[in-house]
Amino acid sequence: MCYELYAECVFMHLQNVVQKGTGGWKKIIKTFGNDILLENGEIDRARLGQIVFSDPMKRQVLNRLLAPHISSGILWEILKLWMKGCKVVILDIPLLFETKMDRWTNPVIVVWVDPETQIERLMSRDGCSQEQAQNRINAQLVLDWKKSEADIVINNSGLLDDTEEQFQEVLKQVSEPLTWKERIRSRDGLLSIVLCTAVGVLLAQKNLL
């Protein structure tokens, strides 16, 4: 069994999408101006975040600008993992439901936290005000709704050890033997189909001779 934690892949690709000189970088500068640039020419992510999380229209514009670049990168990374024979790929996608990608993933796992803890952790992590933290949370679907739509829920309101224990249990669930539909979609399943088809064609041609 091969596992890949895809969160790092997604993060690195997002970094590449807005890196200085890239297509995504040029689109952002053209739309939001040079005021969001640092001295070295890179995008000031904190400044850009303040702009888009306080204005829903500008946030939608940013999503439209970067969506094609991010989506193609995600698909490419998944394809590479599939070619390597990985049977389990974990996608860390904050906007999973908003982008309708939940229809392509199974099972859907939501890491839930109570609202008060969510605000406190976001303020501590990003060094932002309560208002800024609330704006970021409001920019996404309500976490309780996501929880109701999930196949599996991990409660992240407690200690890190508790979350780790829940994660290990979930990992056991997703690493169970593949169903026949999942096996067909896997690399090994597809190779088996191609091989059987090729053998069948060769036998048919031999019988016709």
N, C-alpha and C. Protein backbone atom coordinates (compact mmCIF):
# COMPACT_ATOMS: atom_id res chain seq x y z
N MET A 1 0.85 -1.19 0.00
CA MET A 1 0.00 0.00 0.00
C MET A 1 0.89 1.24 0.00
N CYS A 2 0.55 2.19 -0.85
CA CYS A 2 1.34 3.41 -0.95
C CYS A 2 0.50 4.60 -0.51
N TYR A 3 1.00 5.41 0.38
CA TYR A 3 0.27 6.57 0.87
C TYR A 3 1.01 7.85 0.49
N GLU A 4 0.26 8.88 0.18
CA GLU A 4 0.85 10.20 -0.06
C GLU A 4 -0.02 11.23 0.65
N LEU A 5 0.59 12.05 1.50
CA LEU A 5 -0.15 13.14 2.13
C LEU A 5 -0.08 14.32 1.18
N TYR A 6 -1.19 14.63 0.57
CA TYR A 6 -1.22 15.56 -0.56
C TYR A 6 -1.21 17.01 -0.12
N ALA A 7 -1.39 17.28 1.15
CA ALA A 7 -1.44 18.67 1.61
C ALA A 7 -0.19 19.42 1.18
N GLU A 8 0.98 18.78 1.32
CA GLU A 8 2.23 19.45 0.98
C GLU A 8 2.29 19.73 -0.52
N CYS A 9 1.80 18.79 -1.33
CA CYS A 9 1.80 18.98 -2.78
C CYS A 9 0.93 20.17 -3.16
N VAL A 10 -0.26 20.27 -2.57
CA VAL A 10 -1.17 21.37 -2.87
C VAL A 10 -0.54 22.69 -2.46
N PHE A 11 0.07 22.72 -1.28
CA PHE A 11 0.66 23.95 -0.77
C PHE A 11 1.79 24.41 -1.68
N MET A 12 2.67 23.47 -2.07
CA MET A 12 3.78 23.82 -2.91
C MET A 12 3.31 24.31 -4.28
N HIS A 13 2.24 23.69 -4.79
CA HIS A 13 1.75 24.13 -6.09
C HIS A 13 1.16 25.53 -5.99
N LEU A 14 0.46 25.84 -4.91
CA LEU A 14 -0.09 27.18 -4.73
C LEU A 14 1.04 28.19 -4.65
N GLN A 15 2.13 27.83 -4.00
CA GLN A 15 3.29 28.70 -3.95
C GLN A 15 3.79 28.99 -5.36
N ASN A 16 3.87 27.95 -6.20
CA ASN A 16 4.36 28.10 -7.56
C ASN A 16 3.41 28.94 -8.40
N VAL A 17 2.11 28.82 -8.16
CA VAL A 17 1.11 29.53 -8.96
C VAL A 17 1.28 31.03 -8.84
N VAL A 18 1.62 31.54 -7.65
CA VAL A 18 1.72 32.99 -7.45
C VAL A 18 3.16 33.45 -7.32
N GLN A 19 4.10 32.60 -7.67
CA GLN A 19 5.51 32.97 -7.60
C GLN A 19 5.83 34.07 -8.61
N LYS A 20 6.77 34.90 -8.29
CA LYS A 20 7.14 36.04 -9.13
C LYS A 20 7.42 35.60 -10.57
N GLY A 21 6.77 36.27 -11.51
CA GLY A 21 7.00 36.01 -12.92
C GLY A 21 6.08 34.99 -13.55
N THR A 22 5.31 34.25 -12.73
CA THR A 22 4.40 33.23 -13.28
C THR A 22 3.14 33.88 -13.84
N GLY A 23 2.36 33.08 -14.56
CA GLY A 23 1.12 33.58 -15.12
C GLY A 23 0.15 34.05 -14.05
N GLY A 24 0.06 33.27 -12.95
CA GLY A 24 -0.83 33.65 -11.85
C GLY A 24 -0.39 34.96 -11.21
N TRP A 25 0.91 35.13 -11.04
CA TRP A 25 1.48 36.35 -10.46
C TRP A 25 1.12 37.55 -11.32
N LYS A 26 1.28 37.43 -12.64
CA LYS A 26 1.00 38.53 -13.56
C LYS A 26 -0.48 38.91 -13.52
N LYS A 27 -1.36 37.90 -13.45
CA LYS A 27 -2.80 38.17 -13.40
C LYS A 27 -3.17 38.93 -12.12
N ILE A 28 -2.57 38.52 -11.02
CA ILE A 28 -2.88 39.17 -9.74
C ILE A 28 -2.40 40.62 -9.74
N ILE A 29 -1.19 40.87 -10.25
CA ILE A 29 -0.65 42.22 -10.29
C ILE A 29 -1.51 43.10 -11.20
N LYS A 30 -1.91 42.55 -12.33
CA LYS A 30 -2.72 43.32 -13.27
C LYS A 30 -4.06 43.70 -12.65
N THR A 31 -4.61 42.81 -11.82
CA THR A 31 -5.93 43.04 -11.22
C THR A 31 -5.87 43.89 -9.96
N PHE A 32 -4.90 43.60 -9.08
CA PHE A 32 -4.87 44.25 -7.77
C PHE A 32 -3.81 45.35 -7.65
N GLY A 33 -2.95 45.48 -8.65
CA GLY A 33 -1.97 46.55 -8.63
C GLY A 33 -0.68 46.19 -7.92
N ASN A 34 0.30 47.11 -8.01
CA ASN A 34 1.63 46.88 -7.44
C ASN A 34 1.68 47.08 -5.92
N ASP A 35 0.59 47.58 -5.35
CA ASP A 35 0.58 47.85 -3.90
C ASP A 35 0.66 46.57 -3.08
N ILE A 36 0.37 45.44 -3.70
CA ILE A 36 0.39 44.18 -2.93
C ILE A 36 1.74 43.47 -3.05
N LEU A 37 2.73 44.14 -3.63
CA LEU A 37 4.04 43.53 -3.80
C LEU A 37 4.98 43.87 -2.65
N LEU A 38 5.83 42.91 -2.30
CA LEU A 38 6.90 43.16 -1.35
C LEU A 38 8.07 43.82 -2.09
N GLU A 39 9.10 44.19 -1.37
CA GLU A 39 10.25 44.85 -1.99
C GLU A 39 10.95 43.95 -3.00
N ASN A 40 10.90 42.64 -2.77
CA ASN A 40 11.59 41.71 -3.68
C ASN A 40 10.72 41.33 -4.89
N GLY A 41 9.54 41.91 -4.99
CA GLY A 41 8.68 41.64 -6.14
C GLY A 41 7.69 40.51 -5.92
N GLU A 42 7.84 39.78 -4.81
CA GLU A 42 6.90 38.71 -4.51
C GLU A 42 5.60 39.31 -3.96
N ILE A 43 4.53 38.53 -4.03
CA ILE A 43 3.24 39.01 -3.55
C ILE A 43 3.20 38.99 -2.02
N ASP A 44 2.72 40.08 -1.45
CA ASP A 44 2.53 40.15 0.00
C ASP A 44 1.23 39.41 0.32
N ARG A 45 1.35 38.16 0.73
CA ARG A 45 0.17 37.31 0.94
C ARG A 45 -0.73 37.86 2.05
N ALA A 46 -0.12 38.41 3.07
CA ALA A 46 -0.91 38.96 4.17
C ALA A 46 -1.76 40.13 3.67
N ARG A 47 -1.15 41.00 2.86
CA ARG A 47 -1.88 42.15 2.33
C ARG A 47 -2.98 41.70 1.38
N LEU A 48 -2.66 40.75 0.51
CA LEU A 48 -3.66 40.24 -0.43
C LEU A 48 -4.81 39.57 0.32
N GLY A 49 -4.48 38.85 1.39
CA GLY A 49 -5.49 38.19 2.20
C GLY A 49 -6.45 39.19 2.84
N GLN A 50 -5.90 40.29 3.35
CA GLN A 50 -6.74 41.32 3.96
C GLN A 50 -7.73 41.89 2.94
N ILE A 51 -7.26 42.05 1.71
CA ILE A 51 -8.10 42.63 0.67
C ILE A 51 -9.25 41.70 0.29
N VAL A 52 -8.91 40.44 -0.01
CA VAL A 52 -9.93 39.53 -0.55
C VAL A 52 -10.87 39.00 0.53
N PHE A 53 -10.39 38.89 1.76
CA PHE A 53 -11.27 38.36 2.81
C PHE A 53 -12.20 39.42 3.40
N SER A 54 -11.97 40.66 3.02
CA SER A 54 -12.87 41.72 3.47
C SER A 54 -13.81 42.18 2.35
N ASP A 55 -13.64 41.60 1.17
CA ASP A 55 -14.47 41.98 0.03
C ASP A 55 -14.83 40.73 -0.78
N PRO A 56 -16.05 40.24 -0.64
CA PRO A 56 -16.46 39.01 -1.35
C PRO A 56 -16.28 39.08 -2.86
N MET A 57 -16.51 40.24 -3.47
CA MET A 57 -16.37 40.38 -4.91
C MET A 57 -14.92 40.19 -5.34
N LYS A 58 -14.00 40.81 -4.60
CA LYS A 58 -12.58 40.68 -4.93
C LYS A 58 -12.09 39.26 -4.68
N ARG A 59 -12.67 38.60 -3.67
CA ARG A 59 -12.30 37.21 -3.41
C ARG A 59 -12.73 36.32 -4.57
N GLN A 60 -13.91 36.57 -5.11
CA GLN A 60 -14.37 35.79 -6.25
C GLN A 60 -13.48 36.03 -7.47
N VAL A 61 -13.03 37.26 -7.64
CA VAL A 61 -12.14 37.58 -8.75
C VAL A 61 -10.83 36.80 -8.62
N LEU A 62 -10.27 36.80 -7.41
CA LEU A 62 -9.02 36.08 -7.17
C LEU A 62 -9.19 34.59 -7.43
N ASN A 63 -10.30 34.03 -6.98
CA ASN A 63 -10.55 32.60 -7.19
C ASN A 63 -10.63 32.28 -8.68
N ARG A 64 -11.28 33.15 -9.45
CA ARG A 64 -11.40 32.92 -10.88
C ARG A 64 -10.03 33.01 -11.57
N LEU A 65 -9.18 33.91 -11.08
CA LEU A 65 -7.86 34.07 -11.68
C LEU A 65 -6.98 32.85 -11.47
N LEU A 66 -7.03 32.29 -10.25
CA LEU A 66 -6.10 31.22 -9.90
C LEU A 66 -6.66 29.82 -10.09
N ALA A 67 -7.99 29.69 -10.17
CA ALA A 67 -8.61 28.37 -10.25
C ALA A 67 -8.04 27.49 -11.36
N PRO A 68 -7.89 28.01 -12.59
CA PRO A 68 -7.36 27.14 -13.66
C PRO A 68 -5.95 26.64 -13.37
N HIS A 69 -5.10 27.50 -12.81
CA HIS A 69 -3.72 27.12 -12.51
C HIS A 69 -3.67 26.08 -11.40
N ILE A 70 -4.47 26.28 -10.36
CA ILE A 70 -4.47 25.36 -9.22
C ILE A 70 -5.07 24.02 -9.61
N SER A 71 -6.19 24.05 -10.35
CA SER A 71 -6.86 22.80 -10.74
C SER A 71 -5.96 21.93 -11.60
N SER A 72 -5.30 22.54 -12.57
CA SER A 72 -4.41 21.77 -13.44
C SER A 72 -3.25 21.18 -12.66
N GLY A 73 -2.76 21.93 -11.69
CA GLY A 73 -1.66 21.42 -10.86
C GLY A 73 -2.10 20.25 -9.99
N ILE A 74 -3.30 20.35 -9.42
CA ILE A 74 -3.82 19.26 -8.60
C ILE A 74 -4.00 17.99 -9.44
N LEU A 75 -4.60 18.15 -10.61
CA LEU A 75 -4.82 16.98 -11.49
C LEU A 75 -3.50 16.34 -11.90
N TRP A 76 -2.51 17.18 -12.17
CA TRP A 76 -1.20 16.66 -12.57
C TRP A 76 -0.55 15.87 -11.43
N GLU A 77 -0.64 16.41 -10.20
CA GLU A 77 -0.06 15.70 -9.06
C GLU A 77 -0.77 14.38 -8.81
N ILE A 78 -2.11 14.37 -8.94
CA ILE A 78 -2.87 13.14 -8.76
C ILE A 78 -2.47 12.11 -9.80
N LEU A 79 -2.30 12.56 -11.04
CA LEU A 79 -1.91 11.65 -12.11
C LEU A 79 -0.54 11.02 -11.83
N LYS A 80 0.38 11.83 -11.33
CA LYS A 80 1.71 11.30 -11.02
C LYS A 80 1.64 10.26 -9.90
N LEU A 81 0.82 10.52 -8.88
CA LEU A 81 0.68 9.57 -7.79
C LEU A 81 -0.01 8.30 -8.28
N TRP A 82 -0.99 8.46 -9.17
CA TRP A 82 -1.69 7.30 -9.74
C TRP A 82 -0.73 6.45 -10.55
N MET A 83 0.14 7.09 -11.32
CA MET A 83 1.12 6.35 -12.12
C MET A 83 2.12 5.60 -11.24
N LYS A 84 2.38 6.15 -10.05
CA LYS A 84 3.29 5.49 -9.12
C LYS A 84 2.62 4.31 -8.44
N GLY A 85 1.31 4.17 -8.62
CA GLY A 85 0.61 3.04 -8.03
C GLY A 85 0.02 3.30 -6.66
N CYS A 86 -0.05 4.57 -6.25
CA CYS A 86 -0.62 4.90 -4.94
C CYS A 86 -2.11 4.61 -4.94
N LYS A 87 -2.56 3.90 -3.95
CA LYS A 87 -3.97 3.51 -3.85
C LYS A 87 -4.77 4.47 -2.98
N VAL A 88 -4.08 5.25 -2.15
CA VAL A 88 -4.75 6.22 -1.29
C VAL A 88 -4.07 7.57 -1.47
N VAL A 89 -4.83 8.56 -1.87
CA VAL A 89 -4.33 9.93 -2.02
C VAL A 89 -5.21 10.83 -1.15
N ILE A 90 -4.59 11.55 -0.24
CA ILE A 90 -5.32 12.44 0.66
C ILE A 90 -5.24 13.87 0.13
N LEU A 91 -6.37 14.46 -0.20
CA LEU A 91 -6.42 15.83 -0.70
C LEU A 91 -6.81 16.77 0.43
N ASP A 92 -6.01 17.79 0.68
CA ASP A 92 -6.31 18.78 1.70
C ASP A 92 -6.84 20.01 0.97
N ILE A 93 -8.16 20.15 0.88
CA ILE A 93 -8.78 21.21 0.09
C ILE A 93 -9.78 21.98 0.96
N PRO A 94 -9.40 23.16 1.45
CA PRO A 94 -10.31 23.95 2.29
C PRO A 94 -11.63 24.28 1.60
N LEU A 95 -11.60 24.52 0.28
CA LEU A 95 -12.81 24.89 -0.46
C LEU A 95 -13.36 23.69 -1.23
N LEU A 96 -13.32 22.53 -0.62
CA LEU A 96 -13.76 21.31 -1.30
C LEU A 96 -15.21 21.40 -1.77
N PHE A 97 -16.10 21.82 -0.89
CA PHE A 97 -17.52 21.90 -1.24
C PHE A 97 -17.79 23.08 -2.16
N GLU A 98 -17.13 24.21 -1.91
CA GLU A 98 -17.36 25.40 -2.71
C GLU A 98 -16.98 25.16 -4.18
N THR A 99 -15.93 24.38 -4.41
CA THR A 99 -15.48 24.12 -5.78
C THR A 99 -16.11 22.86 -6.37
N LYS A 100 -17.04 22.24 -5.62
CA LYS A 100 -17.76 21.05 -6.07
C LYS A 100 -16.84 19.83 -6.26
N MET A 101 -15.65 19.87 -5.69
CA MET A 101 -14.74 18.74 -5.85
C MET A 101 -15.12 17.56 -4.97
N ASP A 102 -16.08 17.77 -4.05
CA ASP A 102 -16.50 16.66 -3.19
C ASP A 102 -17.13 15.53 -4.00
N ARG A 103 -17.65 15.85 -5.21
CA ARG A 103 -18.27 14.82 -6.04
C ARG A 103 -17.23 13.86 -6.62
N TRP A 104 -15.95 14.25 -6.57
CA TRP A 104 -14.90 13.41 -7.13
C TRP A 104 -14.07 12.73 -6.05
N THR A 105 -14.39 12.97 -4.79
CA THR A 105 -13.60 12.40 -3.70
C THR A 105 -14.45 11.47 -2.85
N ASN A 106 -13.82 10.45 -2.31
CA ASN A 106 -14.53 9.48 -1.46
C ASN A 106 -13.52 8.73 -0.60
N PRO A 107 -13.74 8.73 0.72
CA PRO A 107 -14.80 9.45 1.44
C PRO A 107 -14.43 10.91 1.67
N VAL A 108 -15.42 11.72 1.99
CA VAL A 108 -15.19 13.12 2.33
C VAL A 108 -14.96 13.20 3.85
N ILE A 109 -13.80 13.72 4.23
CA ILE A 109 -13.44 13.81 5.64
C ILE A 109 -13.40 15.29 6.04
N VAL A 110 -14.13 15.67 7.05
CA VAL A 110 -14.14 17.03 7.55
C VAL A 110 -13.48 17.07 8.92
N VAL A 111 -12.49 17.94 9.06
CA VAL A 111 -11.86 18.17 10.36
C VAL A 111 -12.61 19.34 11.01
N TRP A 112 -13.39 19.03 12.02
CA TRP A 112 -14.29 20.02 12.64
C TRP A 112 -13.70 20.57 13.92
N VAL A 113 -14.02 21.83 14.21
CA VAL A 113 -13.62 22.46 15.46
C VAL A 113 -14.73 23.42 15.87
N ASP A 114 -14.91 23.61 17.16
CA ASP A 114 -15.96 24.52 17.61
C ASP A 114 -15.58 25.95 17.25
N PRO A 115 -16.57 26.83 17.02
CA PRO A 115 -16.33 28.19 16.52
C PRO A 115 -15.35 29.01 17.37
N GLU A 116 -15.48 28.93 18.69
CA GLU A 116 -14.61 29.71 19.57
C GLU A 116 -13.15 29.31 19.40
N THR A 117 -12.90 28.00 19.37
CA THR A 117 -11.54 27.51 19.21
C THR A 117 -11.00 27.85 17.82
N GLN A 118 -11.87 27.81 16.83
CA GLN A 118 -11.47 28.14 15.46
C GLN A 118 -10.96 29.58 15.37
N ILE A 119 -11.67 30.50 15.99
CA ILE A 119 -11.27 31.90 15.99
C ILE A 119 -9.93 32.08 16.71
N GLU A 120 -9.82 31.49 17.89
CA GLU A 120 -8.61 31.64 18.69
C GLU A 120 -7.39 31.10 17.96
N ARG A 121 -7.51 29.93 17.32
CA ARG A 121 -6.38 29.34 16.64
C ARG A 121 -5.97 30.13 15.41
N LEU A 122 -6.96 30.66 14.69
CA LEU A 122 -6.67 31.44 13.50
C LEU A 122 -5.95 32.74 13.87
N MET A 123 -6.39 33.39 14.95
CA MET A 123 -5.74 34.61 15.41
C MET A 123 -4.31 34.33 15.85
N SER A 124 -4.12 33.21 16.55
CA SER A 124 -2.79 32.85 17.03
C SER A 124 -1.86 32.48 15.88
N ARG A 125 -2.37 31.76 14.90
CA ARG A 125 -1.54 31.31 13.78
C ARG A 125 -1.10 32.46 12.88
N ASP A 126 -2.06 33.34 12.51
CA ASP A 126 -1.77 34.38 11.53
C ASP A 126 -1.49 35.74 12.15
N GLY A 127 -1.63 35.84 13.47
CA GLY A 127 -1.38 37.13 14.12
C GLY A 127 -2.36 38.20 13.68
N CYS A 128 -3.59 37.79 13.40
CA CYS A 128 -4.60 38.73 12.91
C CYS A 128 -5.58 39.08 14.02
N SER A 129 -6.39 40.09 13.76
CA SER A 129 -7.40 40.51 14.73
C SER A 129 -8.59 39.56 14.68
N GLN A 130 -9.46 39.68 15.66
CA GLN A 130 -10.65 38.84 15.70
C GLN A 130 -11.55 39.12 14.49
N GLU A 131 -11.62 40.40 14.10
CA GLU A 131 -12.44 40.76 12.95
C GLU A 131 -11.89 40.13 11.66
N GLN A 132 -10.56 40.18 11.50
CA GLN A 132 -9.94 39.59 10.31
C GLN A 132 -10.14 38.08 10.29
N ALA A 133 -10.00 37.46 11.47
CA ALA A 133 -10.20 36.02 11.55
C ALA A 133 -11.63 35.65 11.21
N GLN A 134 -12.58 36.43 11.70
CA GLN A 134 -13.99 36.17 11.41
C GLN A 134 -14.29 36.35 9.93
N ASN A 135 -13.67 37.34 9.30
CA ASN A 135 -13.86 37.55 7.86
C ASN A 135 -13.40 36.35 7.06
N ARG A 136 -12.29 35.76 7.46
CA ARG A 136 -11.78 34.59 6.75
C ARG A 136 -12.71 33.39 6.92
N ILE A 137 -13.23 33.24 8.12
CA ILE A 137 -14.16 32.13 8.38
C ILE A 137 -15.46 32.34 7.60
N ASN A 138 -15.93 33.59 7.57
CA ASN A 138 -17.17 33.89 6.85
C ASN A 138 -17.03 33.70 5.35
N ALA A 139 -15.79 33.68 4.85
CA ALA A 139 -15.55 33.53 3.41
C ALA A 139 -15.78 32.09 2.95
N GLN A 140 -15.93 31.18 3.90
CA GLN A 140 -16.15 29.78 3.57
C GLN A 140 -17.52 29.34 4.07
N LEU A 141 -17.95 28.19 3.59
CA LEU A 141 -19.20 27.63 4.07
C LEU A 141 -19.10 27.32 5.56
N VAL A 142 -20.23 27.36 6.24
CA VAL A 142 -20.25 27.11 7.68
C VAL A 142 -19.72 25.71 7.98
N LEU A 143 -18.81 25.63 8.95
CA LEU A 143 -18.17 24.36 9.25
C LEU A 143 -19.16 23.31 9.73
N ASP A 144 -20.20 23.72 10.43
CA ASP A 144 -21.20 22.77 10.90
C ASP A 144 -21.95 22.14 9.72
N TRP A 145 -22.16 22.94 8.65
CA TRP A 145 -22.81 22.39 7.45
C TRP A 145 -21.90 21.37 6.78
N LYS A 146 -20.61 21.69 6.69
CA LYS A 146 -19.67 20.75 6.10
C LYS A 146 -19.65 19.45 6.90
N LYS A 147 -19.74 19.60 8.21
CA LYS A 147 -19.76 18.42 9.08
C LYS A 147 -20.94 17.53 8.76
N SER A 148 -22.09 18.13 8.47
CA SER A 148 -23.29 17.35 8.16
C SER A 148 -23.18 16.65 6.81
N GLU A 149 -22.32 17.15 5.92
CA GLU A 149 -22.16 16.58 4.59
C GLU A 149 -21.02 15.56 4.51
N ALA A 150 -20.26 15.42 5.57
CA ALA A 150 -19.07 14.57 5.55
C ALA A 150 -19.42 13.09 5.74
N ASP A 151 -18.56 12.26 5.20
CA ASP A 151 -18.65 10.82 5.45
C ASP A 151 -17.97 10.46 6.76
N ILE A 152 -16.91 11.20 7.07
CA ILE A 152 -16.14 10.98 8.29
C ILE A 152 -15.82 12.34 8.90
N VAL A 153 -15.95 12.46 10.23
CA VAL A 153 -15.66 13.71 10.92
C VAL A 153 -14.56 13.48 11.96
N ILE A 154 -13.56 14.35 11.93
CA ILE A 154 -12.51 14.35 12.95
C ILE A 154 -12.71 15.58 13.82
N ASN A 155 -12.90 15.38 15.13
CA ASN A 155 -13.10 16.50 16.05
C ASN A 155 -11.74 17.02 16.50
N ASN A 156 -11.43 18.22 16.04
CA ASN A 156 -10.12 18.81 16.32
C ASN A 156 -10.19 19.88 17.41
N SER A 157 -11.22 19.82 18.25
CA SER A 157 -11.39 20.85 19.28
C SER A 157 -10.52 20.60 20.51
N GLY A 158 -10.04 19.38 20.65
CA GLY A 158 -9.27 19.04 21.84
C GLY A 158 -7.78 19.11 21.65
N LEU A 159 -7.07 18.24 22.34
CA LEU A 159 -5.62 18.21 22.28
C LEU A 159 -5.14 17.56 20.98
N LEU A 160 -3.91 17.86 20.62
CA LEU A 160 -3.33 17.32 19.39
C LEU A 160 -3.28 15.79 19.43
N ASP A 161 -3.01 15.24 20.61
CA ASP A 161 -2.96 13.78 20.74
C ASP A 161 -4.31 13.15 20.42
N ASP A 162 -5.40 13.81 20.81
CA ASP A 162 -6.74 13.30 20.53
C ASP A 162 -7.00 13.30 19.02
N THR A 163 -6.58 14.37 18.37
CA THR A 163 -6.77 14.46 16.92
C THR A 163 -5.93 13.39 16.21
N GLU A 164 -4.72 13.18 16.67
CA GLU A 164 -3.85 12.18 16.08
C GLU A 164 -4.45 10.79 16.22
N GLU A 165 -5.03 10.50 17.36
CA GLU A 165 -5.66 9.20 17.58
C GLU A 165 -6.83 8.99 16.62
N GLN A 166 -7.65 10.04 16.44
CA GLN A 166 -8.76 9.94 15.49
C GLN A 166 -8.26 9.75 14.07
N PHE A 167 -7.18 10.45 13.73
CA PHE A 167 -6.62 10.33 12.39
C PHE A 167 -6.15 8.91 12.10
N GLN A 168 -5.53 8.29 13.07
CA GLN A 168 -5.05 6.92 12.88
C GLN A 168 -6.22 5.97 12.63
N GLU A 169 -7.33 6.20 13.31
CA GLU A 169 -8.52 5.37 13.08
C GLU A 169 -9.07 5.57 11.67
N VAL A 170 -9.08 6.84 11.22
CA VAL A 170 -9.56 7.13 9.87
C VAL A 170 -8.64 6.50 8.84
N LEU A 171 -7.34 6.55 9.11
CA LEU A 171 -6.37 5.97 8.19
C LEU A 171 -6.60 4.49 8.01
N LYS A 172 -6.99 3.83 9.09
CA LYS A 172 -7.30 2.40 8.98
C LYS A 172 -8.51 2.18 8.08
N GLN A 173 -9.50 3.06 8.20
CA GLN A 173 -10.71 2.91 7.39
C GLN A 173 -10.42 3.07 5.91
N VAL A 174 -9.66 4.10 5.55
CA VAL A 174 -9.42 4.38 4.14
C VAL A 174 -8.40 3.44 3.53
N SER A 175 -7.68 2.68 4.36
CA SER A 175 -6.69 1.74 3.83
C SER A 175 -7.21 0.31 3.76
N GLU A 176 -8.50 0.15 3.96
CA GLU A 176 -9.09 -1.18 3.82
C GLU A 176 -9.03 -1.63 2.37
N PRO A 177 -9.16 -2.94 2.10
CA PRO A 177 -9.09 -3.44 0.71
C PRO A 177 -10.03 -2.68 -0.22
N LEU A 178 -9.59 -2.45 -1.44
CA LEU A 178 -10.39 -1.70 -2.41
C LEU A 178 -11.61 -2.50 -2.84
N THR A 179 -12.69 -1.76 -3.13
CA THR A 179 -13.84 -2.41 -3.73
C THR A 179 -13.51 -2.72 -5.19
N TRP A 180 -14.34 -3.52 -5.85
CA TRP A 180 -14.02 -3.88 -7.23
C TRP A 180 -14.06 -2.65 -8.14
N LYS A 181 -14.91 -1.68 -7.86
CA LYS A 181 -14.95 -0.46 -8.65
C LYS A 181 -13.67 0.35 -8.45
N GLU A 182 -13.24 0.45 -7.19
CA GLU A 182 -12.00 1.18 -6.91
C GLU A 182 -10.80 0.48 -7.51
N ARG A 183 -10.81 -0.85 -7.48
CA ARG A 183 -9.69 -1.61 -8.05
C ARG A 183 -9.58 -1.42 -9.56
N ILE A 184 -10.73 -1.32 -10.22
CA ILE A 184 -10.73 -1.10 -11.67
C ILE A 184 -10.11 0.26 -12.00
N ARG A 185 -10.39 1.27 -11.16
CA ARG A 185 -9.88 2.61 -11.42
C ARG A 185 -8.42 2.77 -11.04
N SER A 186 -7.89 1.81 -10.30
CA SER A 186 -6.49 1.90 -9.89
C SER A 186 -5.58 1.60 -11.07
N ARG A 187 -4.30 1.96 -10.92
CA ARG A 187 -3.35 1.72 -12.00
C ARG A 187 -3.24 0.24 -12.31
N ASP A 188 -3.16 -0.60 -11.28
CA ASP A 188 -3.04 -2.04 -11.50
C ASP A 188 -4.26 -2.60 -12.20
N GLY A 189 -5.45 -2.07 -11.82
CA GLY A 189 -6.67 -2.54 -12.46
C GLY A 189 -6.71 -2.18 -13.92
N LEU A 190 -6.32 -0.95 -14.25
CA LEU A 190 -6.32 -0.51 -15.64
C LEU A 190 -5.31 -1.30 -16.46
N LEU A 191 -4.13 -1.53 -15.88
CA LEU A 191 -3.11 -2.31 -16.59
C LEU A 191 -3.61 -3.73 -16.87
N SER A 192 -4.34 -4.29 -15.90
CA SER A 192 -4.88 -5.63 -16.09
C SER A 192 -5.89 -5.65 -17.23
N ILE A 193 -6.73 -4.61 -17.29
CA ILE A 193 -7.73 -4.54 -18.36
C ILE A 193 -7.04 -4.41 -19.72
N VAL A 194 -6.03 -3.55 -19.79
CA VAL A 194 -5.29 -3.36 -21.05
C VAL A 194 -4.62 -4.66 -21.47
N LEU A 195 -4.01 -5.36 -20.51
CA LEU A 195 -3.32 -6.60 -20.82
C LEU A 195 -4.29 -7.67 -21.31
N CYS A 196 -5.42 -7.80 -20.61
CA CYS A 196 -6.42 -8.80 -21.02
C CYS A 196 -6.98 -8.48 -22.41
N THR A 197 -7.18 -7.20 -22.66
CA THR A 197 -7.70 -6.80 -23.97
C THR A 197 -6.70 -7.12 -25.07
N ALA A 198 -5.42 -6.84 -24.80
CA ALA A 198 -4.38 -7.11 -25.79
C ALA A 198 -4.27 -8.60 -26.07
N VAL A 199 -4.33 -9.41 -25.01
CA VAL A 199 -4.26 -10.86 -25.19
C VAL A 199 -5.46 -11.35 -25.99
N GLY A 200 -6.65 -10.81 -25.67
CA GLY A 200 -7.85 -11.20 -26.40
C GLY A 200 -7.75 -10.87 -27.88
N VAL A 201 -7.23 -9.70 -28.19
CA VAL A 201 -7.08 -9.29 -29.59
C VAL A 201 -6.10 -10.20 -30.31
N LEU A 202 -4.98 -10.52 -29.66
CA LEU A 202 -3.99 -11.40 -30.28
C LEU A 202 -4.55 -12.79 -30.53
N LEU A 203 -5.31 -13.32 -29.58
CA LEU A 203 -5.91 -14.66 -29.75
C LEU A 203 -6.94 -14.64 -30.87
N ALA A 204 -7.72 -13.57 -30.95
CA ALA A 204 -8.73 -13.46 -32.00
C ALA A 204 -8.06 -13.41 -33.37
N GLN A 205 -6.98 -12.66 -33.49
CA GLN A 205 -6.26 -12.56 -34.76
C GLN A 205 -5.65 -13.91 -35.12
N LYS A 206 -5.16 -14.64 -34.14
CA LYS A 206 -4.55 -15.93 -34.41
C LYS A 206 -5.58 -16.93 -34.90
N ASN A 207 -6.79 -16.88 -34.34
CA ASN A 207 -7.86 -17.79 -34.76
C ASN A 207 -8.36 -17.46 -36.18
N LEU A 208 -8.22 -16.19 -36.56
CA LEU A 208 -8.67 -15.79 -37.89
C LEU A 208 -7.68 -16.16 -38.97
N LEU A 209 -6.44 -16.40 -38.59
CA LEU A 209 -5.41 -16.76 -39.59
C LEU A 209 -5.57 -18.21 -40.07
